Amino acid sequence: MRLTSLSLYQYHLPLEVLLPVGKQRIDQRAGLVLQACAQGEGTNPDSTKMCCVDIAPLSGIDIDQQPLSGFSRERLDDVQQTLQSLLPKLHNQPIDLLLECAEASPYPSIAFGLSLLHAKLSGKLDGVRPVTTTVPLIYQPTDAPKAALEAKIAALPMDTRAVKVKVAQTSIAEELRLIYGIINQRPHLKLRLDANRGFTLAQALDFAACLPLDAIEYIEEPCQHPQDNLALYQAIALPYALDETLNDSSYQFVMQAGLTALVCKPMLLGSIEKLEQLINTAHSYGVRCILSSSLESSLGINDLASLAAILTPDEIPGLDTLSAFSQDVIVSSGKPQCLTLKQLECVASTL
């Protein structure tokens, strides 16, 4: 197939509640939608296909006008400018050039978006049923009463098997009350804790010593210094997962005692090929891999749910972030308004 047209759009979505990005909070999400049309060649010259992908690095500013730290090492403006320059070079070229550009790009969000666009245009996601089960996200909102959090816990579907709980956000005592409150309400739930590197080793030890370990699947990035994760596990047998560590461009998988899972945010990692290689390596050591949201729009979440069905079919992905969004984009998740391409701002086109 050959790319016959490409267009780039931008979106800015206000959030109905604040979303946590580590210890920071955001009240809006910005990103790009890349649309491509391709036409068949050879024996099937009349076939055409149009696909869209979400390209949204997890960067920007928080509610205090501070830069987001610890996640994407790229600016949306730089990503947009790079794509605007790239589109004319892709026009009227075979779709396989998308993969070459993905592998060459220094921006993980572009590498992922272009490889995903190639997968969709080449039919690799056709007929895939997106994973509809997700792991609910539990955190103490700063802009809502605690009663709202208690109501969310009470309203969890009875078939929910696990929840993700943000920790290292407030005080250890308050977060332990939250954890034991969840277990008291739903004793059969398993908890995936996410500290976003929020604890010193001493704090992590104090926190872990008070946990109901039988109810904890793992804790993501417990320590400010990742080299302390092993010391935490050796002192208290609390399995841990890596998340932010994977975003370092120099990261190479190394097995350590206590490492039980990789929480993979494709938008922050790069191409689908790179993601697959990481998953295969981790699985060879018995380490779980869980696809996770980078707070994408409904378009991006739907594609991640499809990828999860293909790459990690035995794991429930962490994609419970759309409830905070005021609007859907391209793909409806059931919100009153779903923005179409015509309602987004076009910032580049080869037409």
Protein backbone atom coordinates (compact mmCIF):
# COMPACT_ATOMS: atom_id res chain seq x y z
CA MET A 1 0.00 0.00 0.00
CA ARG A 2 1.05 3.58 -0.69
CA LEU A 3 0.33 6.64 1.45
CA THR A 4 -1.92 8.94 -0.56
CA SER A 5 -2.59 11.61 2.07
CA LEU A 6 -1.59 12.47 5.62
CA SER A 7 -3.00 15.06 8.00
CA LEU A 8 -2.01 16.14 11.50
CA TYR A 9 -4.48 17.52 14.02
CA GLN A 10 -4.10 18.78 17.58
CA TYR A 11 -6.46 18.50 20.53
CA HIS A 12 -6.74 20.10 23.96
CA LEU A 13 -9.08 18.32 26.33
CA PRO A 14 -10.12 19.76 29.70
CA LEU A 15 -10.34 17.20 32.48
CA GLU A 16 -13.36 16.93 34.75
CA VAL A 17 -11.18 15.93 37.70
CA LEU A 18 -7.46 16.31 38.27
CA LEU A 19 -5.33 13.37 37.13
CA PRO A 20 -2.11 12.35 38.91
CA VAL A 21 1.17 12.33 37.02
CA GLY A 22 3.50 11.12 39.73
CA LYS A 23 2.97 13.58 42.58
CA GLN A 24 1.86 16.29 40.17
CA ARG A 25 -1.68 16.94 38.94
CA ILE A 26 -2.97 17.99 35.53
CA ASP A 27 -6.30 19.53 34.56
CA GLN A 28 -5.99 19.21 30.78
CA ARG A 29 -4.48 16.86 28.21
CA ALA A 30 -3.05 17.87 24.86
CA GLY A 31 -1.99 15.67 21.99
CA LEU A 32 -1.97 15.07 18.25
CA VAL A 33 -3.98 12.87 15.91
CA LEU A 34 -2.19 11.63 12.79
CA GLN A 35 -4.51 10.52 10.00
CA ALA A 36 -3.31 8.62 6.95
CA CYS A 37 -5.00 7.27 3.84
CA ALA A 38 -3.38 4.48 1.84
CA GLN A 39 -4.21 2.86 -1.47
CA GLY A 40 -3.49 -0.69 -2.55
CA GLU A 41 -1.06 -1.63 -5.30
CA GLY A 42 -0.42 -4.61 -7.55
CA THR A 43 -3.31 -7.08 -7.54
CA ASN A 44 -5.52 -4.87 -5.37
CA PRO A 45 -5.05 -1.30 -6.66
CA ASP A 46 -8.56 -0.08 -5.81
CA SER A 47 -8.44 -0.89 -2.09
CA THR A 48 -8.15 2.09 0.22
CA LYS A 49 -7.82 2.44 3.97
CA MET A 50 -7.95 5.39 6.36
CA CYS A 51 -6.60 5.17 9.92
CA CYS A 52 -5.87 7.55 12.79
CA VAL A 53 -3.48 7.29 15.74
CA ASP A 54 -3.01 9.33 18.90
CA ILE A 55 0.47 10.79 19.46
CA ALA A 56 0.62 12.34 22.92
CA PRO A 57 3.86 12.46 24.92
CA LEU A 58 3.23 12.66 28.66
CA SER A 59 4.73 16.09 29.12
CA GLY A 60 3.59 19.66 29.54
CA ILE A 61 2.79 21.58 32.71
CA ASP A 62 0.83 20.77 35.86
CA ILE A 63 -1.82 22.82 37.66
CA ASP A 64 0.95 24.82 39.36
CA GLN A 65 2.51 25.70 35.99
CA GLN A 66 5.47 23.42 36.67
CA PRO A 67 6.90 21.09 33.97
CA LEU A 68 5.87 17.45 34.32
CA SER A 69 8.87 15.40 35.40
CA GLY A 70 9.75 11.73 35.34
CA PHE A 71 7.85 10.70 32.22
CA SER A 72 8.22 11.82 28.57
CA ARG A 73 11.52 13.49 27.77
CA GLU A 74 10.01 15.24 24.77
CA ARG A 75 7.93 18.36 24.24
CA LEU A 76 4.67 18.25 22.32
CA ASP A 77 5.74 21.30 20.30
CA ASP A 78 8.91 19.52 19.17
CA VAL A 79 6.95 16.40 18.27
CA GLN A 80 4.46 18.48 16.28
CA GLN A 81 7.17 20.33 14.37
CA THR A 82 8.96 17.08 13.56
CA LEU A 83 5.79 15.49 12.22
CA GLN A 84 4.93 18.59 10.18
CA SER A 85 8.32 18.27 8.48
CA LEU A 86 7.95 14.52 8.03
CA LEU A 87 4.53 14.37 6.37
CA PRO A 88 5.64 15.63 2.92
CA LYS A 89 8.44 13.02 2.89
CA LEU A 90 5.90 10.25 3.56
CA HIS A 91 3.42 11.39 0.94
CA ASN A 92 2.98 8.92 -1.94
CA GLN A 93 5.50 6.53 -0.37
CA PRO A 94 4.98 2.83 0.58
CA ILE A 95 3.56 2.39 4.07
CA ASP A 96 6.72 0.48 5.09
CA LEU A 97 8.49 3.86 5.18
CA LEU A 98 6.48 4.48 8.36
CA LEU A 99 8.50 1.74 10.07
CA GLU A 100 11.81 3.12 8.85
CA CYS A 101 10.90 6.57 10.17
CA ALA A 102 9.71 5.05 13.45
CA GLU A 103 13.02 3.32 14.05
CA ALA A 104 14.97 6.45 13.12
CA SER A 105 13.01 8.86 15.28
CA PRO A 106 14.55 10.07 18.57
CA TYR A 107 11.04 10.75 19.88
CA PRO A 108 9.38 7.67 21.47
CA SER A 109 5.87 9.04 20.91
CA ILE A 110 6.54 9.45 17.17
CA ALA A 111 8.17 6.02 16.95
CA PHE A 112 5.17 4.42 18.62
CA GLY A 113 2.62 6.41 16.62
CA LEU A 114 4.18 5.67 13.23
CA SER A 115 4.60 1.96 13.99
CA LEU A 116 1.00 1.81 15.23
CA LEU A 117 -0.21 3.58 12.10
CA HIS A 118 1.64 1.01 9.98
CA ALA A 119 0.06 -1.83 11.96
CA LYS A 120 -3.42 -0.41 11.46
CA LEU A 121 -2.98 0.32 7.75
CA SER A 122 -1.54 -3.15 7.12
CA GLY A 123 -4.50 -4.79 8.85
CA LYS A 124 -2.68 -6.19 11.88
CA LEU A 125 -5.34 -4.84 14.22
CA ASP A 126 -8.28 -5.80 12.01
CA GLY A 127 -10.69 -8.12 13.79
CA VAL A 128 -8.90 -7.73 17.12
CA ARG A 129 -11.34 -7.34 19.97
CA PRO A 130 -9.98 -4.71 22.36
CA VAL A 131 -9.62 -5.75 25.98
CA THR A 132 -12.60 -4.30 27.84
CA THR A 133 -11.56 -5.30 31.35
CA THR A 134 -9.24 -2.90 33.09
CA VAL A 135 -7.71 -2.36 36.49
CA PRO A 136 -9.54 0.50 38.27
CA LEU A 137 -7.33 3.38 39.37
CA ILE A 138 -7.74 4.51 42.99
CA TYR A 139 -6.19 7.73 44.23
CA GLN A 140 -7.11 10.49 46.64
CA PRO A 141 -8.32 13.40 44.49
CA THR A 142 -7.25 16.82 45.65
CA ASP A 143 -10.29 18.51 44.11
CA ALA A 144 -13.01 16.17 45.45
CA PRO A 145 -14.19 15.08 48.90
CA LYS A 146 -13.03 11.79 50.40
CA ALA A 147 -16.61 10.60 50.21
CA ALA A 148 -16.25 10.50 46.43
CA LEU A 149 -13.32 8.12 46.76
CA GLU A 150 -15.22 5.91 49.19
CA ALA A 151 -18.16 5.86 46.80
CA LYS A 152 -15.88 4.81 43.92
CA ILE A 153 -14.52 1.91 45.96
CA ALA A 154 -18.03 0.83 46.95
CA ALA A 155 -19.16 1.00 43.32
CA LEU A 156 -16.43 -1.29 41.97
CA PRO A 157 -17.98 -4.15 39.97
CA MET A 158 -18.14 -7.37 41.96
CA ASP A 159 -16.04 -9.18 39.36
CA THR A 160 -13.13 -6.73 39.82
CA ARG A 161 -10.05 -8.76 40.73
CA ALA A 162 -7.44 -6.03 41.18
CA VAL A 163 -7.13 -2.28 41.64
CA LYS A 164 -4.24 0.12 41.23
CA VAL A 165 -3.66 2.43 44.19
CA LYS A 166 -1.51 5.55 44.05
CA VAL A 167 0.77 5.83 47.11
CA ALA A 168 3.60 8.14 48.22
CA GLN A 169 1.15 10.96 47.57
CA THR A 170 0.15 12.06 51.08
CA SER A 171 1.15 10.68 54.49
CA ILE A 172 2.03 7.03 55.09
CA ALA A 173 -0.62 6.82 57.82
CA GLU A 174 -3.34 8.17 55.53
CA GLU A 175 -2.40 5.84 52.70
CA LEU A 176 -2.33 2.82 54.97
CA ARG A 177 -5.84 3.74 56.10
CA LEU A 178 -6.88 3.86 52.45
CA ILE A 179 -5.34 0.45 51.72
CA TYR A 180 -6.89 -1.24 54.75
CA GLY A 181 -10.18 0.48 54.00
CA ILE A 182 -10.21 -1.03 50.51
CA ILE A 183 -9.40 -4.49 51.88
CA ASN A 184 -12.07 -4.21 54.57
CA GLN A 185 -14.68 -3.33 51.94
CA ARG A 186 -13.45 -5.84 49.37
CA PRO A 187 -11.28 -8.50 51.07
CA HIS A 188 -10.78 -10.51 47.87
CA LEU A 189 -9.20 -7.68 45.89
CA LYS A 190 -5.52 -7.67 45.02
CA LEU A 191 -3.77 -4.31 45.09
CA ARG A 192 -1.17 -2.97 42.69
CA LEU A 193 0.50 -0.07 44.45
CA ASP A 194 2.17 2.72 42.47
CA ALA A 195 4.67 4.94 44.29
CA ASN A 196 6.15 6.71 41.23
CA ARG A 197 9.55 6.75 42.99
CA GLY A 198 7.99 8.69 45.85
CA PHE A 199 9.68 7.02 48.85
CA THR A 200 13.17 7.14 50.23
CA LEU A 201 14.40 3.65 51.12
CA ALA A 202 13.71 4.35 54.80
CA GLN A 203 10.17 5.50 54.04
CA ALA A 204 9.56 2.51 51.77
CA LEU A 205 10.71 0.15 54.53
CA ASP A 206 8.40 1.79 57.07
CA PHE A 207 5.49 1.70 54.63
CA ALA A 208 6.05 -1.89 53.49
CA ALA A 209 6.39 -3.15 57.07
CA CYS A 210 2.78 -2.11 57.72
CA LEU A 211 1.24 -3.51 54.54
CA PRO A 212 -1.06 -6.55 54.33
CA LEU A 213 1.44 -8.30 52.05
CA ASP A 214 -0.93 -11.14 51.11
CA ALA A 215 -3.18 -8.58 49.42
CA ILE A 216 -0.43 -6.81 47.47
CA GLU A 217 0.50 -8.00 43.97
CA TYR A 218 3.44 -5.59 43.72
CA ILE A 219 4.50 -1.99 44.17
CA GLU A 220 5.60 0.07 41.16
CA GLU A 221 8.83 2.03 41.47
CA PRO A 222 8.82 2.21 45.28
CA CYS A 223 12.11 4.07 45.79
CA GLN A 224 13.46 7.42 44.64
CA HIS A 225 16.65 5.62 43.65
CA PRO A 226 15.81 2.45 41.66
CA GLN A 227 18.91 0.69 42.97
CA ASP A 228 17.19 0.67 46.40
CA ASN A 229 14.32 -1.50 45.15
CA LEU A 230 16.38 -4.65 45.63
CA ALA A 231 17.32 -3.65 49.18
CA LEU A 232 13.62 -3.12 49.96
CA TYR A 233 12.75 -6.57 48.64
CA GLN A 234 15.60 -8.21 50.55
CA ALA A 235 14.38 -6.61 53.78
CA ILE A 236 10.65 -7.14 53.21
CA ALA A 237 9.51 -9.62 50.56
CA LEU A 238 7.39 -7.10 48.69
CA PRO A 239 7.55 -7.74 44.92
CA TYR A 240 8.14 -4.64 42.82
CA ALA A 241 7.52 -3.48 39.27
CA LEU A 242 9.35 -1.06 37.01
CA ASP A 243 7.65 1.81 35.18
CA GLU A 244 9.58 5.09 34.98
CA THR A 245 12.84 3.14 34.76
CA LEU A 246 11.77 1.80 31.35
CA ASN A 247 11.54 5.32 29.94
CA ASP A 248 15.29 5.82 30.03
CA SER A 249 16.56 5.51 26.45
CA SER A 250 19.55 3.48 27.72
CA TYR A 251 17.43 0.98 29.68
CA GLN A 252 18.28 -2.68 29.16
CA PHE A 253 16.37 -5.44 30.93
CA VAL A 254 18.28 -6.96 33.84
CA MET A 255 16.67 -9.55 36.07
CA GLN A 256 16.82 -8.94 39.81
CA ALA A 257 15.31 -10.66 42.83
CA GLY A 258 11.85 -9.32 43.56
CA LEU A 259 11.22 -7.92 40.07
CA THR A 260 7.81 -9.27 39.14
CA ALA A 261 6.40 -6.96 36.45
CA LEU A 262 7.14 -4.30 33.86
CA VAL A 263 4.49 -1.62 33.47
CA CYS A 264 4.88 -0.65 29.82
CA LYS A 265 3.65 2.71 28.56
CA PRO A 266 4.06 2.36 24.78
CA MET A 267 3.78 6.11 24.17
CA LEU A 268 6.90 6.56 26.30
CA LEU A 269 8.85 3.51 25.10
CA GLY A 270 8.93 3.76 21.31
CA SER A 271 8.01 1.48 18.42
CA ILE A 272 5.83 -1.61 18.67
CA GLU A 273 8.86 -3.68 17.64
CA LYS A 274 10.84 -2.33 20.61
CA LEU A 275 7.86 -3.01 22.88
CA GLU A 276 7.57 -6.59 21.62
CA GLN A 277 11.28 -7.23 22.17
CA LEU A 278 11.05 -5.96 25.75
CA ILE A 279 7.97 -8.09 26.46
CA ASN A 280 9.57 -11.23 25.01
CA THR A 281 12.76 -10.72 27.02
CA ALA A 282 10.87 -10.11 30.26
CA HIS A 283 8.60 -13.11 29.70
CA SER A 284 11.65 -15.33 29.20
CA TYR A 285 12.55 -14.54 32.83
CA GLY A 286 9.01 -15.05 34.08
CA VAL A 287 8.40 -11.32 34.54
CA ARG A 288 4.89 -10.08 33.79
CA CYS A 289 4.30 -7.23 31.34
CA ILE A 290 1.30 -4.94 31.71
CA LEU A 291 0.40 -2.32 29.12
CA SER A 292 -0.47 0.98 30.73
CA SER A 293 -1.94 4.32 29.73
CA SER A 294 0.01 7.53 29.38
CA LEU A 295 -3.29 9.37 29.80
CA GLU A 296 -4.09 9.18 26.09
CA SER A 297 -7.41 10.20 24.54
CA SER A 298 -10.13 7.63 23.87
CA LEU A 299 -8.54 6.96 20.45
CA GLY A 300 -5.22 6.06 22.07
CA ILE A 301 -6.82 4.01 24.84
CA ASN A 302 -8.80 1.96 22.31
CA ASP A 303 -5.62 1.16 20.37
CA LEU A 304 -3.78 0.21 23.57
CA ALA A 305 -6.64 -2.13 24.44
CA SER A 306 -6.23 -3.79 21.04
CA LEU A 307 -2.46 -4.08 21.48
CA ALA A 308 -2.96 -5.59 24.92
CA ALA A 309 -5.17 -8.28 23.39
CA ILE A 310 -2.34 -9.16 20.99
CA LEU A 311 0.83 -8.66 23.04
CA THR A 312 -0.25 -9.39 26.63
CA PRO A 313 -3.46 -11.44 26.35
CA ASP A 314 -3.08 -12.95 29.83
CA GLU A 315 -2.81 -9.59 31.60
CA ILE A 316 -5.40 -6.93 32.37
CA PRO A 317 -4.00 -3.60 31.13
CA GLY A 318 -3.94 -0.41 33.17
CA LEU A 319 -6.17 1.82 31.07
CA ASP A 320 -8.62 3.27 33.62
CA THR A 321 -8.01 6.97 32.95
CA LEU A 322 -10.81 8.05 30.60
CA SER A 323 -13.32 8.78 33.37
CA ALA A 324 -11.51 12.08 34.03
CA PHE A 325 -11.84 13.26 30.41
CA SER A 326 -14.64 15.61 29.42
CA GLN A 327 -14.72 14.49 25.77
CA ASP A 328 -13.82 11.54 23.58
CA VAL A 329 -11.71 11.81 20.43
CA ILE A 330 -12.59 9.88 17.23
CA VAL A 331 -13.51 6.70 19.14
CA SER A 332 -16.43 6.92 21.55
CA SER A 333 -16.14 5.57 25.08
CA GLY A 334 -19.70 6.67 25.83
CA LYS A 335 -19.18 10.32 26.70
CA PRO A 336 -21.80 12.86 25.59
CA GLN A 337 -19.39 14.40 23.08
CA CYS A 338 -16.97 12.60 20.76
CA LEU A 339 -14.82 14.99 18.74
CA THR A 340 -14.40 14.24 15.05
CA LEU A 341 -11.46 15.25 12.87
CA LYS A 342 -13.48 18.19 11.58
CA GLN A 343 -13.75 19.50 15.14
CA LEU A 344 -9.97 19.35 15.70
CA GLU A 345 -7.45 21.91 14.49
CA CYS A 346 -5.55 20.74 11.42
CA VAL A 347 -1.90 21.80 11.71
CA ALA A 348 -0.45 19.99 8.67
CA SER A 349 -1.70 18.16 5.60
CA THR A 350 -0.34 16.78 2.36
CA LEU A 351 -3.64 17.37 0.55
